[in-house]
Amino acid sequence: MYVGLLTDILENSTKAHREEVDKLNEIHNRSTAERAKILSEYNKNIEKLEKEYADKGEELDSKKKKEIKKLVEEGYNDPDILSRELAKLYGLEYG
């Protein structure tokens, strides 16, 4: 009787632990994918801005790159808004 009860408790505990690990892995995977998406968006915007600055004979300094990174982190879900903000901030062409 006690062995059956202990077996049930152990099985339930194992199942709950497995489900918790699965949820944590899912959260981690989403977080990693989101971080990769932000980094990709940041790199695309840096490349675009560096090209426009080079066309003007200017250089994109580290302070401006940090500002861009902040904008990307805050607005990467809406590329149009992000592009407008970057263009407005740096006096660049939009569209």
N, C-alpha and C. Protein backbone atom coordinates (compact mmCIF):
# COMPACT_ATOMS: atom_id res chain seq x y z
N MET A 1 0.82 -1.19 0.00
CA MET A 1 0.00 0.00 0.00
C MET A 1 0.87 1.26 0.00
N TYR A 2 1.83 1.31 0.91
CA TYR A 2 2.70 2.49 0.98
C TYR A 2 3.61 2.58 -0.24
N VAL A 3 4.02 1.44 -0.74
CA VAL A 3 4.89 1.43 -1.91
C VAL A 3 4.15 2.01 -3.11
N GLY A 4 2.91 1.65 -3.29
CA GLY A 4 2.11 2.18 -4.40
C GLY A 4 1.91 3.67 -4.27
N LEU A 5 1.66 4.13 -3.06
CA LEU A 5 1.49 5.57 -2.81
C LEU A 5 2.78 6.32 -3.09
N LEU A 6 3.90 5.77 -2.62
CA LEU A 6 5.20 6.41 -2.86
C LEU A 6 5.55 6.42 -4.35
N THR A 7 5.20 5.36 -5.05
CA THR A 7 5.44 5.29 -6.49
C THR A 7 4.63 6.36 -7.22
N ASP A 8 3.38 6.51 -6.83
CA ASP A 8 2.53 7.56 -7.44
C ASP A 8 3.10 8.95 -7.18
N ILE A 9 3.53 9.18 -5.96
CA ILE A 9 4.10 10.49 -5.62
C ILE A 9 5.36 10.74 -6.45
N LEU A 10 6.22 9.75 -6.56
CA LEU A 10 7.45 9.88 -7.34
C LEU A 10 7.14 10.13 -8.82
N GLU A 11 6.18 9.40 -9.36
CA GLU A 11 5.81 9.59 -10.77
C GLU A 11 5.24 10.98 -11.01
N ASN A 12 4.38 11.43 -10.11
CA ASN A 12 3.80 12.77 -10.25
C ASN A 12 4.87 13.85 -10.13
N SER A 13 5.79 13.65 -9.22
CA SER A 13 6.88 14.61 -9.04
C SER A 13 7.77 14.66 -10.27
N THR A 14 8.07 13.49 -10.82
CA THR A 14 8.90 13.40 -12.03
C THR A 14 8.20 14.07 -13.20
N LYS A 15 6.91 13.82 -13.34
CA LYS A 15 6.14 14.42 -14.43
C LYS A 15 6.10 15.95 -14.29
N ALA A 16 5.86 16.43 -13.08
CA ALA A 16 5.82 17.88 -12.85
C ALA A 16 7.18 18.51 -13.14
N HIS A 17 8.24 17.83 -12.74
CA HIS A 17 9.59 18.35 -13.00
C HIS A 17 9.86 18.40 -14.50
N ARG A 18 9.48 17.36 -15.22
CA ARG A 18 9.68 17.30 -16.67
C ARG A 18 8.92 18.45 -17.35
N GLU A 19 7.68 18.69 -16.93
CA GLU A 19 6.88 19.77 -17.50
C GLU A 19 7.51 21.13 -17.22
N GLU A 20 8.04 21.29 -16.02
CA GLU A 20 8.69 22.55 -15.66
C GLU A 20 9.94 22.78 -16.51
N VAL A 21 10.72 21.74 -16.70
CA VAL A 21 11.92 21.84 -17.54
C VAL A 21 11.53 22.19 -18.97
N ASP A 22 10.48 21.56 -19.49
CA ASP A 22 10.01 21.86 -20.85
C ASP A 22 9.59 23.32 -20.98
N LYS A 23 8.88 23.84 -19.99
CA LYS A 23 8.46 25.24 -20.02
C LYS A 23 9.66 26.18 -19.98
N LEU A 24 10.63 25.86 -19.12
CA LEU A 24 11.83 26.69 -19.04
C LEU A 24 12.61 26.67 -20.35
N ASN A 25 12.69 25.51 -20.98
CA ASN A 25 13.37 25.42 -22.28
C ASN A 25 12.64 26.24 -23.34
N GLU A 26 11.32 26.19 -23.31
CA GLU A 26 10.53 26.97 -24.27
C GLU A 26 10.75 28.47 -24.07
N ILE A 27 10.75 28.91 -22.83
CA ILE A 27 10.99 30.33 -22.52
C ILE A 27 12.39 30.73 -22.98
N HIS A 28 13.36 29.89 -22.71
CA HIS A 28 14.74 30.17 -23.12
C HIS A 28 14.84 30.27 -24.64
N ASN A 29 14.20 29.35 -25.34
CA ASN A 29 14.25 29.37 -26.81
C ASN A 29 13.60 30.62 -27.38
N ARG A 30 12.46 31.03 -26.80
CA ARG A 30 11.82 32.26 -27.27
C ARG A 30 12.71 33.47 -27.00
N SER A 31 13.31 33.50 -25.83
CA SER A 31 14.19 34.61 -25.47
C SER A 31 15.39 34.68 -26.42
N THR A 32 15.96 33.55 -26.72
CA THR A 32 17.10 33.50 -27.63
C THR A 32 16.70 33.96 -29.03
N ALA A 33 15.55 33.52 -29.49
CA ALA A 33 15.07 33.93 -30.82
C ALA A 33 14.80 35.43 -30.86
N GLU A 34 14.22 35.95 -29.80
CA GLU A 34 13.93 37.39 -29.74
C GLU A 34 15.23 38.19 -29.74
N ARG A 35 16.21 37.75 -28.97
CA ARG A 35 17.50 38.43 -28.92
C ARG A 35 18.16 38.41 -30.29
N ALA A 36 18.09 37.27 -30.98
CA ALA A 36 18.67 37.15 -32.32
C ALA A 36 17.97 38.09 -33.30
N LYS A 37 16.66 38.22 -33.17
CA LYS A 37 15.90 39.10 -34.05
C LYS A 37 16.30 40.57 -33.81
N ILE A 38 16.45 40.94 -32.55
CA ILE A 38 16.86 42.31 -32.22
C ILE A 38 18.25 42.58 -32.76
N LEU A 39 19.16 41.65 -32.58
CA LEU A 39 20.53 41.82 -33.06
C LEU A 39 20.57 41.94 -34.58
N SER A 40 19.78 41.13 -35.26
CA SER A 40 19.73 41.19 -36.71
C SER A 40 19.21 42.55 -37.18
N GLU A 41 18.14 43.01 -36.55
CA GLU A 41 17.57 44.32 -36.91
C GLU A 41 18.58 45.44 -36.65
N TYR A 42 19.27 45.35 -35.53
CA TYR A 42 20.30 46.34 -35.19
C TYR A 42 21.39 46.36 -36.25
N ASN A 43 21.89 45.19 -36.62
CA ASN A 43 22.96 45.12 -37.61
C ASN A 43 22.52 45.67 -38.96
N LYS A 44 21.29 45.37 -39.38
CA LYS A 44 20.79 45.91 -40.65
C LYS A 44 20.73 47.43 -40.61
N ASN A 45 20.25 47.97 -39.49
CA ASN A 45 20.14 49.42 -39.37
C ASN A 45 21.51 50.08 -39.30
N ILE A 46 22.45 49.48 -38.60
CA ILE A 46 23.81 50.02 -38.53
C ILE A 46 24.42 50.06 -39.92
N GLU A 47 24.29 48.97 -40.67
CA GLU A 47 24.84 48.93 -42.03
C GLU A 47 24.23 50.01 -42.90
N LYS A 48 22.92 50.16 -42.82
CA LYS A 48 22.23 51.15 -43.63
C LYS A 48 22.70 52.57 -43.26
N LEU A 49 22.77 52.82 -41.96
CA LEU A 49 23.19 54.15 -41.52
C LEU A 49 24.65 54.43 -41.83
N GLU A 50 25.50 53.43 -41.67
CA GLU A 50 26.92 53.62 -41.99
C GLU A 50 27.08 53.94 -43.47
N LYS A 51 26.30 53.30 -44.32
CA LYS A 51 26.36 53.59 -45.75
C LYS A 51 25.92 55.02 -46.03
N GLU A 52 24.81 55.43 -45.42
CA GLU A 52 24.34 56.80 -45.64
C GLU A 52 25.32 57.82 -45.09
N TYR A 53 25.91 57.54 -43.95
CA TYR A 53 26.91 58.45 -43.40
C TYR A 53 28.14 58.50 -44.31
N ALA A 54 28.56 57.34 -44.83
CA ALA A 54 29.71 57.30 -45.73
C ALA A 54 29.43 58.10 -46.99
N ASP A 55 28.19 58.02 -47.48
CA ASP A 55 27.81 58.79 -48.67
C ASP A 55 27.93 60.29 -48.41
N LYS A 56 27.70 60.69 -47.16
CA LYS A 56 27.82 62.10 -46.77
C LYS A 56 29.24 62.46 -46.37
N GLY A 57 30.14 61.47 -46.34
CA GLY A 57 31.51 61.72 -45.93
C GLY A 57 31.66 61.84 -44.42
N GLU A 58 30.72 61.25 -43.67
CA GLU A 58 30.76 61.30 -42.22
C GLU A 58 30.93 59.88 -41.67
N GLU A 59 31.14 59.81 -40.36
CA GLU A 59 31.32 58.51 -39.73
C GLU A 59 30.33 58.35 -38.59
N LEU A 60 29.81 57.15 -38.42
CA LEU A 60 28.87 56.84 -37.35
C LEU A 60 29.68 56.48 -36.11
N ASP A 61 29.63 57.34 -35.08
CA ASP A 61 30.44 57.09 -33.88
C ASP A 61 29.74 56.14 -32.91
N SER A 62 30.47 55.74 -31.87
CA SER A 62 29.93 54.74 -30.94
C SER A 62 28.73 55.26 -30.15
N LYS A 63 28.68 56.56 -29.88
CA LYS A 63 27.52 57.12 -29.16
C LYS A 63 26.26 56.97 -30.01
N LYS A 64 26.37 57.25 -31.29
CA LYS A 64 25.22 57.11 -32.18
C LYS A 64 24.81 55.65 -32.31
N LYS A 65 25.81 54.75 -32.34
CA LYS A 65 25.50 53.32 -32.43
C LYS A 65 24.73 52.86 -31.19
N LYS A 66 25.09 53.37 -30.02
CA LYS A 66 24.38 53.02 -28.79
C LYS A 66 22.94 53.53 -28.83
N GLU A 67 22.75 54.74 -29.36
CA GLU A 67 21.40 55.29 -29.48
C GLU A 67 20.56 54.43 -30.43
N ILE A 68 21.18 53.99 -31.50
CA ILE A 68 20.49 53.15 -32.47
C ILE A 68 20.10 51.82 -31.83
N LYS A 69 21.03 51.25 -31.07
CA LYS A 69 20.75 49.98 -30.41
C LYS A 69 19.55 50.12 -29.48
N LYS A 70 19.49 51.23 -28.76
CA LYS A 70 18.37 51.47 -27.85
C LYS A 70 17.05 51.57 -28.63
N LEU A 71 17.07 52.30 -29.74
CA LEU A 71 15.87 52.42 -30.57
C LEU A 71 15.43 51.07 -31.10
N VAL A 72 16.37 50.26 -31.53
CA VAL A 72 16.04 48.95 -32.08
C VAL A 72 15.44 48.07 -30.99
N GLU A 73 16.02 48.09 -29.80
CA GLU A 73 15.50 47.27 -28.71
C GLU A 73 14.09 47.69 -28.33
N GLU A 74 13.80 48.97 -28.42
CA GLU A 74 12.48 49.47 -28.03
C GLU A 74 11.44 49.30 -29.13
N GLY A 75 11.86 49.33 -30.39
CA GLY A 75 10.87 49.36 -31.46
C GLY A 75 11.07 48.37 -32.57
N TYR A 76 11.74 47.25 -32.29
CA TYR A 76 12.02 46.31 -33.38
C TYR A 76 10.78 45.63 -33.92
N ASN A 77 9.69 45.61 -33.18
CA ASN A 77 8.48 44.95 -33.66
C ASN A 77 7.80 45.71 -34.79
N ASP A 78 8.08 47.00 -34.93
CA ASP A 78 7.48 47.79 -35.99
C ASP A 78 8.57 48.47 -36.80
N PRO A 79 9.05 47.83 -37.86
CA PRO A 79 10.16 48.36 -38.64
C PRO A 79 9.89 49.75 -39.24
N ASP A 80 8.64 50.05 -39.60
CA ASP A 80 8.34 51.37 -40.17
C ASP A 80 8.57 52.47 -39.15
N ILE A 81 8.08 52.27 -37.95
CA ILE A 81 8.28 53.27 -36.89
C ILE A 81 9.76 53.41 -36.60
N LEU A 82 10.46 52.28 -36.50
CA LEU A 82 11.89 52.31 -36.23
C LEU A 82 12.64 53.08 -37.31
N SER A 83 12.32 52.80 -38.57
CA SER A 83 12.99 53.49 -39.67
C SER A 83 12.72 55.00 -39.64
N ARG A 84 11.47 55.37 -39.37
CA ARG A 84 11.14 56.80 -39.28
C ARG A 84 11.90 57.48 -38.16
N GLU A 85 11.96 56.82 -36.99
CA GLU A 85 12.66 57.41 -35.85
C GLU A 85 14.15 57.57 -36.14
N LEU A 86 14.74 56.56 -36.76
CA LEU A 86 16.16 56.65 -37.10
C LEU A 86 16.42 57.76 -38.11
N ALA A 87 15.57 57.83 -39.12
CA ALA A 87 15.72 58.87 -40.13
C ALA A 87 15.57 60.26 -39.51
N LYS A 88 14.57 60.42 -38.65
CA LYS A 88 14.33 61.71 -38.01
C LYS A 88 15.51 62.08 -37.10
N LEU A 89 15.99 61.10 -36.34
CA LEU A 89 17.06 61.35 -35.38
C LEU A 89 18.36 61.76 -36.07
N TYR A 90 18.63 61.16 -37.23
CA TYR A 90 19.91 61.41 -37.89
C TYR A 90 19.80 62.21 -39.18
N GLY A 91 18.62 62.75 -39.44
CA GLY A 91 18.45 63.59 -40.62
C GLY A 91 18.68 62.84 -41.91
N LEU A 92 18.21 61.62 -41.98
CA LEU A 92 18.42 60.79 -43.17
C LEU A 92 17.12 60.66 -43.94
N GLU A 93 17.23 60.11 -45.14
CA GLU A 93 16.05 59.89 -45.97
C GLU A 93 15.29 58.69 -45.45
N TYR A 94 13.97 58.77 -45.47
CA TYR A 94 13.14 57.63 -45.07
C TYR A 94 12.38 57.14 -46.27
N GLY A 95 12.42 55.80 -46.49
CA GLY A 95 11.62 55.22 -47.55
C GLY A 95 12.39 54.81 -48.68
